Amino acid sequence: MTDESHQKLIDSLDELLDREREALLAGQLDQLGVLMTTKEQLIDRINKLQVEDRTPLESIHQKVTRNQALLNSALEGIRAVADRMAELRRVRSGFETYDRRGKRQTFGNSVNSNLEKRA
């Protein structure tokens, strides 16, 4: 493969990493699956190259690291939302508290959703 072909692969990966960053910052997580597949293919092709000069790959490495940090933050946000939703479901079904002796007391939310009919 020529140096020009090497550079085209690196440039393609560089552009893809920029698109991935934009998707992460915009919260467009649905786009990450397609980008991930393409990114893996490009990285595999680059890894197969016998490149002497790794200098052009340093900026790629920095972008990959940056995007990984953004992805980790997005995952933390998703987990926080899931935890909050689970907590809201627990509160909706009732809540627990402790009395003076440390014994747990459960208060159920027994809202009856049946409609009473009157003649």
PDB file of N, CA and C in Angstrom:
ATOM      1  N   MET A   1       0.845  -1.169   0.000  1.00  0.00           N
ATOM      2  CA  MET A   1       0.000   0.000   0.000  1.00  0.00           C
ATOM      3  C   MET A   1       0.892   1.234   0.000  1.00  0.00           C
ATOM      4  N   THR A   2       0.499   2.249  -0.714  1.00  0.00           N
ATOM      5  CA  THR A   2       1.314   3.454  -0.823  1.00  0.00           C
ATOM      6  C   THR A   2       1.091   4.358   0.374  1.00  0.00           C
ATOM      7  N   ASP A   3       1.999   5.316   0.529  1.00  0.00           N
ATOM      8  CA  ASP A   3       1.854   6.302   1.601  1.00  0.00           C
ATOM      9  C   ASP A   3       0.569   7.096   1.428  1.00  0.00           C
ATOM     10  N   GLU A   4       0.190   7.320   0.168  1.00  0.00           N
ATOM     11  CA  GLU A   4      -1.050   8.052  -0.111  1.00  0.00           C
ATOM     12  C   GLU A   4      -2.256   7.252   0.376  1.00  0.00           C
ATOM     13  N   SER A   5      -2.257   5.950   0.172  1.00  0.00           N
ATOM     14  CA  SER A   5      -3.346   5.098   0.645  1.00  0.00           C
ATOM     15  C   SER A   5      -3.378   5.063   2.176  1.00  0.00           C
ATOM     16  N   HIS A   6      -2.194   5.030   2.781  1.00  0.00           N
ATOM     17  CA  HIS A   6      -2.117   5.065   4.249  1.00  0.00           C
ATOM     18  C   HIS A   6      -2.758   6.344   4.752  1.00  0.00           C
ATOM     19  N   GLN A   7      -2.387   7.443   4.129  1.00  0.00           N
ATOM     20  CA  GLN A   7      -2.896   8.736   4.574  1.00  0.00           C
ATOM     21  C   GLN A   7      -4.400   8.845   4.356  1.00  0.00           C
ATOM     22  N   LYS A   8      -4.915   8.246   3.291  1.00  0.00           N
ATOM     23  CA  LYS A   8      -6.360   8.273   3.057  1.00  0.00           C
ATOM     24  C   LYS A   8      -7.102   7.537   4.172  1.00  0.00           C
ATOM     25  N   LEU A   9      -6.568   6.400   4.597  1.00  0.00           N
ATOM     26  CA  LEU A   9      -7.179   5.663   5.705  1.00  0.00           C
ATOM     27  C   LEU A   9      -7.144   6.481   6.990  1.00  0.00           C
ATOM     28  N   ILE A  10      -6.024   7.101   7.254  1.00  0.00           N
ATOM     29  CA  ILE A  10      -5.883   7.914   8.461  1.00  0.00           C
ATOM     30  C   ILE A  10      -6.830   9.106   8.400  1.00  0.00           C
ATOM     31  N   ASP A  11      -6.917   9.747   7.240  1.00  0.00           N
ATOM     32  CA  ASP A  11      -7.835  10.886   7.088  1.00  0.00           C
ATOM     33  C   ASP A  11      -9.286  10.456   7.248  1.00  0.00           C
ATOM     34  N   SER A  12      -9.638   9.297   6.718  1.00  0.00           N
ATOM     35  CA  SER A  12     -11.004   8.783   6.865  1.00  0.00           C
ATOM     36  C   SER A  12     -11.340   8.533   8.327  1.00  0.00           C
ATOM     37  N   LEU A  13     -10.395   7.945   9.051  1.00  0.00           N
ATOM     38  CA  LEU A  13     -10.612   7.690  10.474  1.00  0.00           C
ATOM     39  C   LEU A  13     -10.694   9.008  11.242  1.00  0.00           C
ATOM     40  N   ASP A  14      -9.874   9.951  10.875  1.00  0.00           N
ATOM     41  CA  ASP A  14      -9.883  11.264  11.522  1.00  0.00           C
ATOM     42  C   ASP A  14     -11.254  11.940  11.360  1.00  0.00           C
ATOM     43  N   GLU A  15     -11.789  11.911  10.155  1.00  0.00           N
ATOM     44  CA  GLU A  15     -13.112  12.502   9.892  1.00  0.00           C
ATOM     45  C   GLU A  15     -14.201  11.750  10.646  1.00  0.00           C
ATOM     46  N   LEU A  16     -14.100  10.438  10.673  1.00  0.00           N
ATOM     47  CA  LEU A  16     -15.091   9.635  11.371  1.00  0.00           C
ATOM     48  C   LEU A  16     -15.073   9.938  12.879  1.00  0.00           C
ATOM     49  N   LEU A  17     -13.902  10.117  13.450  1.00  0.00           N
ATOM     50  CA  LEU A  17     -13.800  10.442  14.870  1.00  0.00           C
ATOM     51  C   LEU A  17     -14.414  11.807  15.170  1.00  0.00           C
ATOM     52  N   ASP A  18     -14.275  12.742  14.245  1.00  0.00           N
ATOM     53  CA  ASP A  18     -14.931  14.043  14.412  1.00  0.00           C
ATOM     54  C   ASP A  18     -16.452  13.903  14.373  1.00  0.00           C
ATOM     55  N   ARG A  19     -16.959  13.073  13.468  1.00  0.00           N
ATOM     56  CA  ARG A  19     -18.413  12.840  13.407  1.00  0.00           C
ATOM     57  C   ARG A  19     -18.901  12.140  14.665  1.00  0.00           C
ATOM     58  N   GLU A  20     -18.104  11.198  15.166  1.00  0.00           N
ATOM     59  CA  GLU A  20     -18.468  10.500  16.397  1.00  0.00           C
ATOM     60  C   GLU A  20     -18.542  11.486  17.566  1.00  0.00           C
ATOM     61  N   ARG A  21     -17.588  12.385  17.645  1.00  0.00           N
ATOM     62  CA  ARG A  21     -17.589  13.403  18.701  1.00  0.00           C
ATOM     63  C   ARG A  21     -18.822  14.276  18.607  1.00  0.00           C
ATOM     64  N   GLU A  22     -19.148  14.722  17.402  1.00  0.00           N
ATOM     65  CA  GLU A  22     -20.336  15.557  17.202  1.00  0.00           C
ATOM     66  C   GLU A  22     -21.602  14.817  17.629  1.00  0.00           C
ATOM     67  N   ALA A  23     -21.695  13.543  17.294  1.00  0.00           N
ATOM     68  CA  ALA A  23     -22.865  12.750  17.675  1.00  0.00           C
ATOM     69  C   ALA A  23     -22.947  12.618  19.195  1.00  0.00           C
ATOM     70  N   LEU A  24     -21.812  12.399  19.844  1.00  0.00           N
ATOM     71  CA  LEU A  24     -21.800  12.276  21.303  1.00  0.00           C
ATOM     72  C   LEU A  24     -22.204  13.591  21.968  1.00  0.00           C
ATOM     73  N   LEU A  25     -21.673  14.692  21.477  1.00  0.00           N
ATOM     74  CA  LEU A  25     -21.993  15.990  22.068  1.00  0.00           C
ATOM     75  C   LEU A  25     -23.450  16.382  21.826  1.00  0.00           C
ATOM     76  N   ALA A  26     -24.008  15.944  20.704  1.00  0.00           N
ATOM     77  CA  ALA A  26     -25.404  16.266  20.378  1.00  0.00           C
ATOM     78  C   ALA A  26     -26.379  15.268  21.005  1.00  0.00           C
ATOM     79  N   GLY A  27     -25.855  14.241  21.645  1.00  0.00           N
ATOM     80  CA  GLY A  27     -26.726  13.240  22.253  1.00  0.00           C
ATOM     81  C   GLY A  27     -27.381  12.315  21.243  1.00  0.00           C
ATOM     82  N   GLN A  28     -26.820  12.224  20.068  1.00  0.00           N
ATOM     83  CA  GLN A  28     -27.360  11.366  19.011  1.00  0.00           C
ATOM     84  C   GLN A  28     -26.725   9.982  19.117  1.00  0.00           C
ATOM     85  N   LEU A  29     -27.055   9.299  20.185  1.00  0.00           N
ATOM     86  CA  LEU A  29     -26.432   8.016  20.478  1.00  0.00           C
ATOM     87  C   LEU A  29     -26.826   6.934  19.486  1.00  0.00           C
ATOM     88  N   ASP A  30     -27.932   7.120  18.790  1.00  0.00           N
ATOM     89  CA  ASP A  30     -28.362   6.130  17.800  1.00  0.00           C
ATOM     90  C   ASP A  30     -27.402   6.049  16.617  1.00  0.00           C
ATOM     91  N   GLN A  31     -26.632   7.081  16.386  1.00  0.00           N
ATOM     92  CA  GLN A  31     -25.682   7.087  15.268  1.00  0.00           C
ATOM     93  C   GLN A  31     -24.383   6.348  15.595  1.00  0.00           C
ATOM     94  N   LEU A  32     -24.144   6.096  16.863  1.00  0.00           N
ATOM     95  CA  LEU A  32     -22.864   5.524  17.271  1.00  0.00           C
ATOM     96  C   LEU A  32     -22.654   4.101  16.770  1.00  0.00           C
ATOM     97  N   GLY A  33     -23.720   3.331  16.624  1.00  0.00           N
ATOM     98  CA  GLY A  33     -23.579   1.951  16.163  1.00  0.00           C
ATOM     99  C   GLY A  33     -22.972   1.859  14.776  1.00  0.00           C
ATOM    100  N   VAL A  34     -23.502   2.653  13.864  1.00  0.00           N
ATOM    101  CA  VAL A  34     -22.988   2.653  12.487  1.00  0.00           C
ATOM    102  C   VAL A  34     -21.555   3.176  12.463  1.00  0.00           C
ATOM    103  N   LEU A  35     -21.312   4.250  13.208  1.00  0.00           N
ATOM    104  CA  LEU A  35     -19.967   4.817  13.237  1.00  0.00           C
ATOM    105  C   LEU A  35     -18.971   3.829  13.842  1.00  0.00           C
ATOM    106  N   MET A  36     -19.412   3.086  14.851  1.00  0.00           N
ATOM    107  CA  MET A  36     -18.530   2.127  15.518  1.00  0.00           C
ATOM    108  C   MET A  36     -18.076   1.033  14.547  1.00  0.00           C
ATOM    109  N   THR A  37     -19.008   0.539  13.754  1.00  0.00           N
ATOM    110  CA  THR A  37     -18.664  -0.514  12.793  1.00  0.00           C
ATOM    111  C   THR A  37     -17.631  -0.010  11.795  1.00  0.00           C
ATOM    112  N   THR A  38     -17.864   1.160  11.258  1.00  0.00           N
ATOM    113  CA  THR A  38     -16.928   1.740  10.288  1.00  0.00           C
ATOM    114  C   THR A  38     -15.583   2.021  10.949  1.00  0.00           C
ATOM    115  N   LYS A  39     -15.621   2.537  12.173  1.00  0.00           N
ATOM    116  CA  LYS A  39     -14.388   2.843  12.894  1.00  0.00           C
ATOM    117  C   LYS A  39     -13.561   1.580  13.122  1.00  0.00           C
ATOM    118  N   GLU A  40     -14.206   0.493  13.518  1.00  0.00           N
ATOM    119  CA  GLU A  40     -13.487  -0.769  13.735  1.00  0.00           C
ATOM    120  C   GLU A  40     -12.838  -1.257  12.444  1.00  0.00           C
ATOM    121  N   GLN A  41     -13.544  -1.130  11.331  1.00  0.00           N
ATOM    122  CA  GLN A  41     -12.995  -1.565  10.051  1.00  0.00           C
ATOM    123  C   GLN A  41     -11.774  -0.730   9.675  1.00  0.00           C
ATOM    124  N   LEU A  42     -11.876   0.584   9.850  1.00  0.00           N
ATOM    125  CA  LEU A  42     -10.743   1.451   9.526  1.00  0.00           C
ATOM    126  C   LEU A  42      -9.545   1.166  10.437  1.00  0.00           C
ATOM    127  N   ILE A  43      -9.795   0.971  11.703  1.00  0.00           N
ATOM    128  CA  ILE A  43      -8.698   0.684  12.634  1.00  0.00           C
ATOM    129  C   ILE A  43      -8.044  -0.642  12.295  1.00  0.00           C
ATOM    130  N   ASP A  44      -8.844  -1.641  11.941  1.00  0.00           N
ATOM    131  CA  ASP A  44      -8.278  -2.930  11.530  1.00  0.00           C
ATOM    132  C   ASP A  44      -7.381  -2.769  10.304  1.00  0.00           C
ATOM    133  N   ARG A  45      -7.842  -1.994   9.348  1.00  0.00           N
ATOM    134  CA  ARG A  45      -7.035  -1.788   8.131  1.00  0.00           C
ATOM    135  C   ARG A  45      -5.748  -1.040   8.444  1.00  0.00           C
ATOM    136  N   ILE A  46      -5.831  -0.049   9.319  1.00  0.00           N
ATOM    137  CA  ILE A  46      -4.640   0.714   9.686  1.00  0.00           C
ATOM    138  C   ILE A  46      -3.664  -0.169  10.467  1.00  0.00           C
ATOM    139  N   ASN A  47      -4.195  -1.018  11.343  1.00  0.00           N
ATOM    140  CA  ASN A  47      -3.330  -1.903  12.132  1.00  0.00           C
ATOM    141  C   ASN A  47      -2.565  -2.894  11.256  1.00  0.00           C
ATOM    142  N   LYS A  48      -3.122  -3.233  10.113  1.00  0.00           N
ATOM    143  CA  LYS A  48      -2.454  -4.168   9.206  1.00  0.00           C
ATOM    144  C   LYS A  48      -1.333  -3.513   8.416  1.00  0.00           C
ATOM    145  N   LEU A  49      -1.286  -2.193   8.431  1.00  0.00           N
ATOM    146  CA  LEU A  49      -0.256  -1.480   7.680  1.00  0.00           C
ATOM    147  C   LEU A  49       1.095  -1.619   8.369  1.00  0.00           C
ATOM    148  N   GLN A  50       2.104  -1.672   7.572  1.00  0.00           N
ATOM    149  CA  GLN A  50       3.468  -1.684   8.089  1.00  0.00           C
ATOM    150  C   GLN A  50       4.000  -0.257   7.973  1.00  0.00           C
ATOM    151  N   VAL A  51       3.568   0.583   8.875  1.00  0.00           N
ATOM    152  CA  VAL A  51       3.933   1.996   8.828  1.00  0.00           C
ATOM    153  C   VAL A  51       5.125   2.228   9.752  1.00  0.00           C
ATOM    154  N   GLU A  52       6.142   2.825   9.195  1.00  0.00           N
ATOM    155  CA  GLU A  52       7.345   3.139   9.967  1.00  0.00           C
ATOM    156  C   GLU A  52       7.107   4.364  10.850  1.00  0.00           C
ATOM    157  N   ASP A  53       6.497   5.388  10.267  1.00  0.00           N
ATOM    158  CA  ASP A  53       6.293   6.666  10.956  1.00  0.00           C
ATOM    159  C   ASP A  53       4.904   6.674  11.596  1.00  0.00           C
ATOM    160  N   ARG A  54       4.867   6.638  12.903  1.00  0.00           N
ATOM    161  CA  ARG A  54       3.602   6.620  13.650  1.00  0.00           C
ATOM    162  C   ARG A  54       3.114   8.029  14.009  1.00  0.00           C
ATOM    163  N   THR A  55       3.837   9.048  13.594  1.00  0.00           N
ATOM    164  CA  THR A  55       3.487  10.422  13.937  1.00  0.00           C
ATOM    165  C   THR A  55       2.061  10.793  13.517  1.00  0.00           C
ATOM    166  N   PRO A  56       1.613  10.449  12.293  1.00  0.00           N
ATOM    167  CA  PRO A  56       0.239  10.822  11.916  1.00  0.00           C
ATOM    168  C   PRO A  56      -0.830  10.153  12.790  1.00  0.00           C
ATOM    169  N   LEU A  57      -0.471   9.054  13.420  1.00  0.00           N
ATOM    170  CA  LEU A  57      -1.436   8.339  14.246  1.00  0.00           C
ATOM    171  C   LEU A  57      -1.570   8.926  15.651  1.00  0.00           C
ATOM    172  N   GLU A  58      -0.664   9.819  16.036  1.00  0.00           N
ATOM    173  CA  GLU A  58      -0.738  10.405  17.369  1.00  0.00           C
ATOM    174  C   GLU A  58      -1.994  11.250  17.545  1.00  0.00           C
ATOM    175  N   SER A  59      -2.344  12.034  16.534  1.00  0.00           N
ATOM    176  CA  SER A  59      -3.558  12.850  16.642  1.00  0.00           C
ATOM    177  C   SER A  59      -4.805  11.967  16.647  1.00  0.00           C
ATOM    178  N   ILE A  60      -4.737  10.851  15.914  1.00  0.00           N
ATOM    179  CA  ILE A  60      -5.853   9.892  15.917  1.00  0.00           C
ATOM    180  C   ILE A  60      -6.013   9.305  17.313  1.00  0.00           C
ATOM    181  N   HIS A  61      -4.901   8.945  17.930  1.00  0.00           N
ATOM    182  CA  HIS A  61      -4.947   8.384  19.276  1.00  0.00           C
ATOM    183  C   HIS A  61      -5.559   9.381  20.265  1.00  0.00           C
ATOM    184  N   GLN A  62      -5.199  10.645  20.142  1.00  0.00           N
ATOM    185  CA  GLN A  62      -5.759  11.677  21.021  1.00  0.00           C
ATOM    186  C   GLN A  62      -7.278  11.799  20.826  1.00  0.00           C
ATOM    187  N   LYS A  63      -7.726  11.722  19.578  1.00  0.00           N
ATOM    188  CA  LYS A  63      -9.162  11.814  19.310  1.00  0.00           C
ATOM    189  C   LYS A  63      -9.908  10.592  19.824  1.00  0.00           C
ATOM    190  N   VAL A  64      -9.305   9.424  19.671  1.00  0.00           N
ATOM    191  CA  VAL A  64      -9.933   8.202  20.187  1.00  0.00           C
ATOM    192  C   VAL A  64     -10.073   8.301  21.701  1.00  0.00           C
ATOM    193  N   THR A  65      -9.031   8.766  22.376  1.00  0.00           N
ATOM    194  CA  THR A  65      -9.059   8.924  23.827  1.00  0.00           C
ATOM    195  C   THR A  65     -10.126   9.939  24.236  1.00  0.00           C
ATOM    196  N   ARG A  66     -10.199  11.052  23.527  1.00  0.00           N
ATOM    197  CA  ARG A  66     -11.193  12.090  23.813  1.00  0.00           C
ATOM    198  C   ARG A  66     -12.607  11.540  23.649  1.00  0.00           C
ATOM    199  N   ASN A  67     -12.844  10.832  22.544  1.00  0.00           N
ATOM    200  CA  ASN A  67     -14.174  10.286  22.288  1.00  0.00           C
ATOM    201  C   ASN A  67     -14.545   9.213  23.305  1.00  0.00           C
ATOM    202  N   GLN A  68     -13.567   8.436  23.753  1.00  0.00           N
ATOM    203  CA  GLN A  68     -13.845   7.416  24.760  1.00  0.00           C
ATOM    204  C   GLN A  68     -14.289   8.069  26.062  1.00  0.00           C
ATOM    205  N   ALA A  69     -13.661   9.179  26.415  1.00  0.00           N
ATOM    206  CA  ALA A  69     -14.072   9.898  27.624  1.00  0.00           C
ATOM    207  C   ALA A  69     -15.497  10.424  27.479  1.00  0.00           C
ATOM    208  N   LEU A  70     -15.838  10.944  26.300  1.00  0.00           N
ATOM    209  CA  LEU A  70     -17.204  11.417  26.055  1.00  0.00           C
ATOM    210  C   LEU A  70     -18.203  10.265  26.122  1.00  0.00           C
ATOM    211  N   LEU A  71     -17.837   9.130  25.553  1.00  0.00           N
ATOM    212  CA  LEU A  71     -18.712   7.968  25.580  1.00  0.00           C
ATOM    213  C   LEU A  71     -18.922   7.481  27.014  1.00  0.00           C
ATOM    214  N   ASN A  72     -17.863   7.468  27.803  1.00  0.00           N
ATOM    215  CA  ASN A  72     -17.990   7.077  29.202  1.00  0.00           C
ATOM    216  C   ASN A  72     -18.922   8.020  29.957  1.00  0.00           C
ATOM    217  N   SER A  73     -18.820   9.319  29.670  1.00  0.00           N
ATOM    218  CA  SER A  73     -19.710  10.289  30.311  1.00  0.00           C
ATOM    219  C   SER A  73     -21.155  10.068  29.899  1.00  0.00           C
ATOM    220  N   ALA A  74     -21.371   9.769  28.634  1.00  0.00           N
ATOM    221  CA  ALA A  74     -22.730   9.497  28.156  1.00  0.00           C
ATOM    222  C   ALA A  74     -23.305   8.263  28.848  1.00  0.00           C
ATOM    223  N   LEU A  75     -22.487   7.231  28.997  1.00  0.00           N
ATOM    224  CA  LEU A  75     -22.940   6.018  29.683  1.00  0.00           C
ATOM    225  C   LEU A  75     -23.255   6.287  31.154  1.00  0.00           C
ATOM    226  N   GLU A  76     -22.449   7.105  31.801  1.00  0.00           N
ATOM    227  CA  GLU A  76     -22.733   7.466  33.188  1.00  0.00           C
ATOM    228  C   GLU A  76     -24.061   8.203  33.291  1.00  0.00           C
ATOM    229  N   GLY A  77     -24.323   9.084  32.332  1.00  0.00           N
ATOM    230  CA  GLY A  77     -25.592   9.813  32.314  1.00  0.00           C
ATOM    231  C   GLY A  77     -26.768   8.878  32.119  1.00  0.00           C
ATOM    232  N   ILE A  78     -26.630   7.920  31.238  1.00  0.00           N
ATOM    233  CA  ILE A  78     -27.702   6.947  31.000  1.00  0.00           C
ATOM    234  C   ILE A  78     -27.948   6.120  32.257  1.00  0.00           C
ATOM    235  N   ARG A  79     -26.879   5.705  32.903  1.00  0.00           N
ATOM    236  CA  ARG A  79     -27.033   4.935  34.151  1.00  0.00           C
ATOM    237  C   ARG A  79     -27.711   5.773  35.232  1.00  0.00           C
ATOM    238  N   ALA A  80     -27.356   7.050  35.318  1.00  0.00           N
ATOM    239  CA  ALA A  80     -27.970   7.926  36.324  1.00  0.00           C
ATOM    240  C   ALA A  80     -29.468   8.074  36.066  1.00  0.00           C
ATOM    241  N   VAL A  81     -29.845   8.213  34.809  1.00  0.00           N
ATOM    242  CA  VAL A  81     -31.266   8.316  34.470  1.00  0.00           C
ATOM    243  C   VAL A  81     -31.989   7.018  34.807  1.00  0.00           C
ATOM    244  N   ALA A  82     -31.385   5.887  34.479  1.00  0.00           N
ATOM    245  CA  ALA A  82     -32.004   4.595  34.783  1.00  0.00           C
ATOM    246  C   ALA A  82     -32.171   4.409  36.288  1.00  0.00           C
ATOM    247  N   ASP A  83     -31.158   4.804  37.063  1.00  0.00           N
ATOM    248  CA  ASP A  83     -31.252   4.703  38.521  1.00  0.00           C
ATOM    249  C   ASP A  83     -32.349   5.612  39.057  1.00  0.00           C
ATOM    250  N   ARG A  84     -32.441   6.805  38.513  1.00  0.00           N
ATOM    251  CA  ARG A  84     -33.462   7.756  38.966  1.00  0.00           C
ATOM    252  C   ARG A  84     -34.857   7.236  38.637  1.00  0.00           C
ATOM    253  N   MET A  85     -35.024   6.681  37.452  1.00  0.00           N
ATOM    254  CA  MET A  85     -36.332   6.133  37.072  1.00  0.00           C
ATOM    255  C   MET A  85     -36.706   4.954  37.974  1.00  0.00           C
ATOM    256  N   ALA A  86     -35.746   4.118  38.315  1.00  0.00           N
ATOM    257  CA  ALA A  86     -36.013   2.995  39.212  1.00  0.00           C
ATOM    258  C   ALA A  86     -36.419   3.509  40.591  1.00  0.00           C
ATOM    259  N   GLU A  87     -35.749   4.552  41.048  1.00  0.00           N
ATOM    260  CA  GLU A  87     -36.095   5.139  42.344  1.00  0.00           C
ATOM    261  C   GLU A  87     -37.510   5.723  42.320  1.00  0.00           C
ATOM    262  N   LEU A  88     -37.866   6.382  41.238  1.00  0.00           N
ATOM    263  CA  LEU A  88     -39.222   6.937  41.119  1.00  0.00           C
ATOM    264  C   LEU A  88     -40.277   5.830  41.111  1.00  0.00           C
ATOM    265  N   ARG A  89     -39.968   4.704  40.478  1.00  0.00           N
ATOM    266  CA  ARG A  89     -40.909   3.576  40.489  1.00  0.00           C
ATOM    267  C   ARG A  89     -41.074   3.033  41.906  1.00  0.00           C
ATOM    268  N   ARG A  90     -39.980   2.964  42.646  1.00  0.00           N
ATOM    269  CA  ARG A  90     -40.057   2.488  44.032  1.00  0.00           C
ATOM    270  C   ARG A  90     -40.891   3.435  44.885  1.00  0.00           C
ATOM    271  N   VAL A  91     -40.705   4.727  44.705  1.00  0.00           N
ATOM    272  CA  VAL A  91     -41.460   5.713  45.477  1.00  0.00           C
ATOM    273  C   VAL A  91     -42.934   5.647  45.114  1.00  0.00           C
ATOM    274  N   ARG A  92     -43.223   5.447  43.864  1.00  0.00           N
ATOM    275  CA  ARG A  92     -44.600   5.379  43.411  1.00  0.00           C
ATOM    276  C   ARG A  92     -45.344   4.199  44.051  1.00  0.00           C
ATOM    277  N   SER A  93     -44.627   3.107  44.277  1.00  0.00           N
ATOM    278  CA  SER A  93     -45.271   1.931  44.861  1.00  0.00           C
ATOM    279  C   SER A  93     -45.292   1.986  46.383  1.00  0.00           C
ATOM    280  N   GLY A  94     -44.653   2.942  46.975  1.00  0.00           N
ATOM    281  CA  GLY A  94     -44.624   3.092  48.420  1.00  0.00           C
ATOM    282  C   GLY A  94     -43.244   3.518  48.857  1.00  0.00           C
ATOM    283  N   PHE A  95     -43.087   3.703  50.157  1.00  0.00           N
ATOM    284  CA  PHE A  95     -41.759   4.060  50.633  1.00  0.00           C
ATOM    285  C   PHE A  95     -41.500   3.388  51.967  1.00  0.00           C
ATOM    286  N   GLU A  96     -40.225   3.350  52.331  1.00  0.00           N
ATOM    287  CA  GLU A  96     -39.807   2.714  53.565  1.00  0.00           C
ATOM    288  C   GLU A  96     -39.139   3.738  54.455  1.00  0.00           C
ATOM    289  N   THR A  97     -39.337   3.544  55.744  1.00  0.00           N
ATOM    290  CA  THR A  97     -38.682   4.397  56.725  1.00  0.00           C
ATOM    291  C   THR A  97     -38.367   3.540  57.943  1.00  0.00           C
ATOM    292  N   TYR A  98     -37.686   4.097  58.906  1.00  0.00           N
ATOM    293  CA  TYR A  98     -37.303   3.363  60.113  1.00  0.00           C
ATOM    294  C   TYR A  98     -37.863   4.083  61.340  1.00  0.00           C
ATOM    295  N   ASP A  99     -38.324   3.295  62.303  1.00  0.00           N
ATOM    296  CA  ASP A  99     -38.834   3.900  63.526  1.00  0.00           C
ATOM    297  C   ASP A  99     -37.690   4.148  64.505  1.00  0.00           C
ATOM    298  N   ARG A 100     -38.027   4.566  65.733  1.00  0.00           N
ATOM    299  CA  ARG A 100     -37.008   4.912  66.730  1.00  0.00           C
ATOM    300  C   ARG A 100     -36.111   3.736  67.097  1.00  0.00           C
ATOM    301  N   ARG A 101     -36.653   2.544  67.002  1.00  0.00           N
ATOM    302  CA  ARG A 101     -35.879   1.348  67.357  1.00  0.00           C
ATOM    303  C   ARG A 101     -35.080   0.803  66.178  1.00  0.00           C
ATOM    304  N   GLY A 102     -35.178   1.430  65.028  1.00  0.00           N
ATOM    305  CA  GLY A 102     -34.443   0.975  63.854  1.00  0.00           C
ATOM    306  C   GLY A 102     -35.157  -0.076  63.045  1.00  0.00           C
ATOM    307  N   LYS A 103     -36.435  -0.283  63.382  1.00  0.00           N
ATOM    308  CA  LYS A 103     -37.215  -1.275  62.645  1.00  0.00           C
ATOM    309  C   LYS A 103     -37.791  -0.632  61.381  1.00  0.00           C
ATOM    310  N   ARG A 104     -37.689  -1.352  60.295  1.00  0.00           N
ATOM    311  CA  ARG A 104     -38.160  -0.838  59.016  1.00  0.00           C
ATOM    312  C   ARG A 104     -39.689  -0.857  58.976  1.00  0.00           C
ATOM    313  N   GLN A 105     -40.224   0.226  58.444  1.00  0.00           N
ATOM    314  CA  GLN A 105     -41.671   0.326  58.239  1.00  0.00           C
ATOM    315  C   GLN A 105     -41.905   0.632  56.767  1.00  0.00           C
ATOM    316  N   THR A 106     -42.830  -0.080  56.176  1.00  0.00           N
ATOM    317  CA  THR A 106     -43.157   0.129  54.770  1.00  0.00           C
ATOM    318  C   THR A 106     -44.538   0.744  54.677  1.00  0.00           C
ATOM    319  N   PHE A 107     -44.622   1.807  53.922  1.00  0.00           N
ATOM    320  CA  PHE A 107     -45.900   2.462  53.669  1.00  0.00           C
ATOM    321  C   PHE A 107     -46.209   2.282  52.195  1.00  0.00           C
ATOM    322  N   GLY A 108     -47.258   1.518  51.936  1.00  0.00           N
ATOM    323  CA  GLY A 108     -47.619   1.261  50.552  1.00  0.00           C
ATOM    324  C   GLY A 108     -48.463   2.377  49.988  1.00  0.00           C
ATOM    325  N   ASN A 109     -48.382   2.528  48.717  1.00  0.00           N
ATOM    326  CA  ASN A 109     -49.200   3.498  48.010  1.00  0.00           C
ATOM    327  C   ASN A 109     -50.382   2.742  47.444  1.00  0.00           C
ATOM    328  N   SER A 110     -51.432   2.714  48.182  1.00  0.00           N
ATOM    329  CA  SER A 110     -52.573   1.898  47.779  1.00  0.00           C
ATOM    330  C   SER A 110     -53.643   2.738  47.116  1.00  0.00           C
ATOM    331  N   VAL A 111     -53.244   3.429  46.085  1.00  0.00           N
ATOM    332  CA  VAL A 111     -54.210   4.209  45.329  1.00  0.00           C
ATOM    333  C   VAL A 111     -55.034   3.239  44.508  1.00  0.00           C
ATOM    334  N   ASN A 112     -56.304   3.257  44.739  1.00  0.00           N
ATOM    335  CA  ASN A 112     -57.204   2.351  44.029  1.00  0.00           C
ATOM    336  C   ASN A 112     -57.676   3.042  42.762  1.00  0.00           C
ATOM    337  N   SER A 113     -57.400   2.433  41.662  1.00  0.00           N
ATOM    338  CA  SER A 113     -57.730   3.068  40.397  1.00  0.00           C
ATOM    339  C   SER A 113     -59.096   2.636  39.877  1.00  0.00           C
ATOM    340  N   ASN A 114     -59.856   1.917  40.690  1.00  0.00           N
ATOM    341  CA  ASN A 114     -61.196   1.517  40.263  1.00  0.00           C
ATOM    342  C   ASN A 114     -62.143   2.708  40.340  1.00  0.00           C
ATOM    343  N   LEU A 115     -62.992   2.760  39.415  1.00  0.00           N
ATOM    344  CA  LEU A 115     -63.970   3.829  39.348  1.00  0.00           C
ATOM    345  C   LEU A 115     -65.249   3.363  40.027  1.00  0.00           C
ATOM    346  N   GLU A 116     -65.738   4.164  40.957  1.00  0.00           N
ATOM    347  CA  GLU A 116     -66.962   3.793  41.651  1.00  0.00           C
ATOM    348  C   GLU A 116     -68.158   4.317  40.855  1.00  0.00           C
ATOM    349  N   LYS A 117     -69.096   3.437  40.593  1.00  0.00           N
ATOM    350  CA  LYS A 117     -70.296   3.834  39.848  1.00  0.00           C
ATOM    351  C   LYS A 117     -71.440   4.029  40.823  1.00  0.00           C
ATOM    352  N   ARG A 118     -72.161   5.080  40.649  1.00  0.00           N
ATOM    353  CA  ARG A 118     -73.344   5.343  41.478  1.00  0.00           C
ATOM    354  C   ARG A 118     -74.550   5.461  40.566  1.00  0.00           C
ATOM    355  N   ALA A 119     -75.606   4.962  41.054  1.00  0.00           N
ATOM    356  CA  ALA A 119     -76.826   5.013  40.260  1.00  0.00           C
ATOM    357  C   ALA A 119     -77.542   6.313  40.405  1.00  0.00           C
TER     358      ALA A 119
END
